[in-house]
C-alpha atoms as a PDB file:
ATOM      1  CA  ARG A   1      -0.009   0.048   0.016  1.00  0.00           C
ATOM      2  CA  THR A   2       2.864   2.428   0.742  1.00  0.00           C
ATOM      3  CA  ASP A   3       4.237   1.749  -2.694  1.00  0.00           C
ATOM      4  CA  LEU A   4       0.995   2.433  -4.360  1.00  0.00           C
ATOM      5  CA  ALA A   5       0.737   5.656  -2.423  1.00  0.00           C
ATOM      6  CA  SER A   6       4.088   6.795  -3.446  1.00  0.00           C
ATOM      7  CA  MET A   7       3.354   5.788  -6.934  1.00  0.00           C
ATOM      8  CA  ASP A   8       0.120   7.866  -6.818  1.00  0.00           C
ATOM      9  CA  VAL A   9       2.043  10.857  -5.519  1.00  0.00           C
ATOM     10  CA  LEU A  10       4.692  10.545  -8.302  1.00  0.00           C
ATOM     11  CA  LEU A  11       2.015  10.246 -11.029  1.00  0.00           C
ATOM     12  CA  ASN A  12       0.268  13.363  -9.720  1.00  0.00           C
ATOM     13  CA  ARG A  13       3.476  15.413  -9.665  1.00  0.00           C
ATOM     14  CA  ALA A  14       4.425  14.156 -13.176  1.00  0.00           C
ATOM     15  CA  ALA A  15       0.912  15.029 -14.446  1.00  0.00           C
ATOM     16  CA  SER A  16       1.061  18.497 -13.004  1.00  0.00           C
ATOM     17  CA  ILE A  17       4.576  19.445 -14.569  1.00  0.00           C
ATOM     18  CA  ARG A  18       4.166  21.177 -17.910  1.00  0.00           C
ATOM     19  CA  THR A  19       7.338  21.369 -19.900  1.00  0.00           C
ATOM     20  CA  LEU A  20       6.068  24.052 -22.187  1.00  0.00           C
ATOM     21  CA  ASP A  21       5.328  26.358 -19.305  1.00  0.00           C
ATOM     22  CA  LYS A  22       9.078  26.526 -18.517  1.00  0.00           C
ATOM     23  CA  VAL A  23       9.926  27.951 -22.018  1.00  0.00           C
ATOM     24  CA  PRO A  24      10.302  31.747 -21.615  1.00  0.00           C
ATOM     25  CA  ALA A  25       7.666  33.421 -23.873  1.00  0.00           C
ATOM     26  CA  GLY A  26       8.536  36.193 -26.306  1.00  0.00           C
ATOM     27  CA  ILE A  27      11.999  34.888 -27.304  1.00  0.00           C
ATOM     28  CA  PRO A  28      12.277  34.539 -31.026  1.00  0.00           C
ATOM     29  CA  PRO A  29      14.276  31.690 -32.554  1.00  0.00           C
ATOM     30  CA  ASN A  30      17.774  32.562 -33.556  1.00  0.00           C
ATOM     31  CA  VAL A  31      17.308  32.755 -37.458  1.00  0.00           C
ATOM     32  CA  GLY A  32      21.127  32.780 -38.049  1.00  0.00           C
ATOM     33  CA  MET A  33      21.735  29.547 -36.209  1.00  0.00           C
ATOM     34  CA  ILE A  34      18.649  28.062 -38.227  1.00  0.00           C
ATOM     35  CA  TRP A  35      20.260  28.938 -41.465  1.00  0.00           C
ATOM     36  CA  ARG A  36      23.714  27.534 -40.290  1.00  0.00           C
ATOM     37  CA  VAL A  37      22.216  24.273 -39.565  1.00  0.00           C
ATOM     38  CA  VAL A  38      20.388  24.146 -42.851  1.00  0.00           C
ATOM     39  CA  PHE A  39      23.516  24.912 -44.749  1.00  0.00           C
ATOM     40  CA  ILE A  40      25.496  22.394 -42.749  1.00  0.00           C
ATOM     41  CA  ILE A  41      22.947  19.710 -43.637  1.00  0.00           C
ATOM     42  CA  ILE A  42      22.994  20.604 -47.244  1.00  0.00           C
ATOM     43  CA  THR A  43      26.754  20.731 -47.413  1.00  0.00           C
ATOM     44  CA  PHE A  44      26.997  17.332 -45.576  1.00  0.00           C
ATOM     45  CA  VAL A  45      24.526  15.740 -48.042  1.00  0.00           C
ATOM     46  CA  GLY A  46      26.409  17.314 -50.961  1.00  0.00           C
ATOM     47  CA  VAL A  47      29.847  15.962 -49.903  1.00  0.00           C
ATOM     48  CA  ILE A  48      28.355  12.421 -49.344  1.00  0.00           C
ATOM     49  CA  SER A  49      26.710  12.583 -52.914  1.00  0.00           C
ATOM     50  CA  VAL A  50      30.191  13.572 -54.466  1.00  0.00           C
ATOM     51  CA  ILE A  51      31.987  10.719 -52.615  1.00  0.00           C
ATOM     52  CA  PHE A  52      29.361   8.147 -53.802  1.00  0.00           C
ATOM     53  CA  PHE A  53      29.554   9.612 -57.481  1.00  0.00           C
ATOM     54  CA  VAL A  54      33.293   9.298 -57.450  1.00  0.00           C
ATOM     55  CA  ILE A  55      33.190   5.651 -56.164  1.00  0.00           C
ATOM     56  CA  TRP A  56      30.628   4.792 -58.651  1.00  0.00           C
ATOM     57  CA  SER A  57      32.590   6.355 -61.469  1.00  0.00           C
ATOM     58  CA  LEU A  58      35.741   4.566 -60.525  1.00  0.00           C
ATOM     59  CA  GLN A  59      33.888   1.167 -60.292  1.00  0.00           C
ATOM     60  CA  LEU A  60      32.218   1.739 -63.638  1.00  0.00           C
ATOM     61  CA  ARG A  61      35.613   2.365 -65.200  1.00  0.00           C
ATOM     62  CA  LYS A  62      37.034  -0.948 -63.748  1.00  0.00           C
ATOM     63  CA  ILE A  63      33.917  -2.854 -65.023  1.00  0.00           C
ATOM     64  CA  ARG A  64      34.398  -1.382 -68.486  1.00  0.00           C
ATOM     65  CA  SER A  65      38.007  -2.194 -68.634  1.00  0.00           C
ATOM     66  CA  VAL A  66      37.392  -5.829 -67.624  1.00  0.00           C
ATOM     67  CA  GLU A  67      34.731  -5.994 -70.235  1.00  0.00           C
ATOM     68  CA  ARG A  68      37.028  -4.640 -72.955  1.00  0.00           C
ATOM     69  CA  GLU A  69      39.784  -7.252 -71.912  1.00  0.00           C
ATOM     70  CA  GLU A  70      37.260 -10.064 -72.034  1.00  0.00           C
ATOM     71  CA  GLY A  71      35.542  -8.953 -75.186  1.00  0.00           C
ATOM     72  CA  LEU A  72      32.184  -8.664 -73.433  1.00  0.00           C
ATOM     73  CA  SER A  73      31.509  -5.035 -74.522  1.00  0.00           C
ATOM     74  CA  GLY A  74      29.290  -5.517 -77.614  1.00  0.00           C
ATOM     75  CA  GLY A  75      25.853  -4.644 -78.686  1.00  0.00           C
ATOM     76  CA  ASP A  76      24.959  -8.285 -79.800  1.00  0.00           C
ATOM     77  CA  ALA A  77      24.478  -9.636 -76.325  1.00  0.00           C
ATOM     78  CA  GLY A  78      21.825 -12.318 -75.836  1.00  0.00           C
END
């Protein structure tokens, strides 16, 4: 019974706490920081895209050179 009573007290306290009430009203978001985050994300995605393109291009060159050596590059496949 004491555990249930203490659990009831904890639940009542948790229900009464509102996290949004602790945020100070009237403070606008920092627009400069938002744009920095956006540009950092775009730059990260761009760098990853370039890395994947370079890797893909190098692998394609290797595949084509192997096909030329083995005589597989032709339009009459099938």
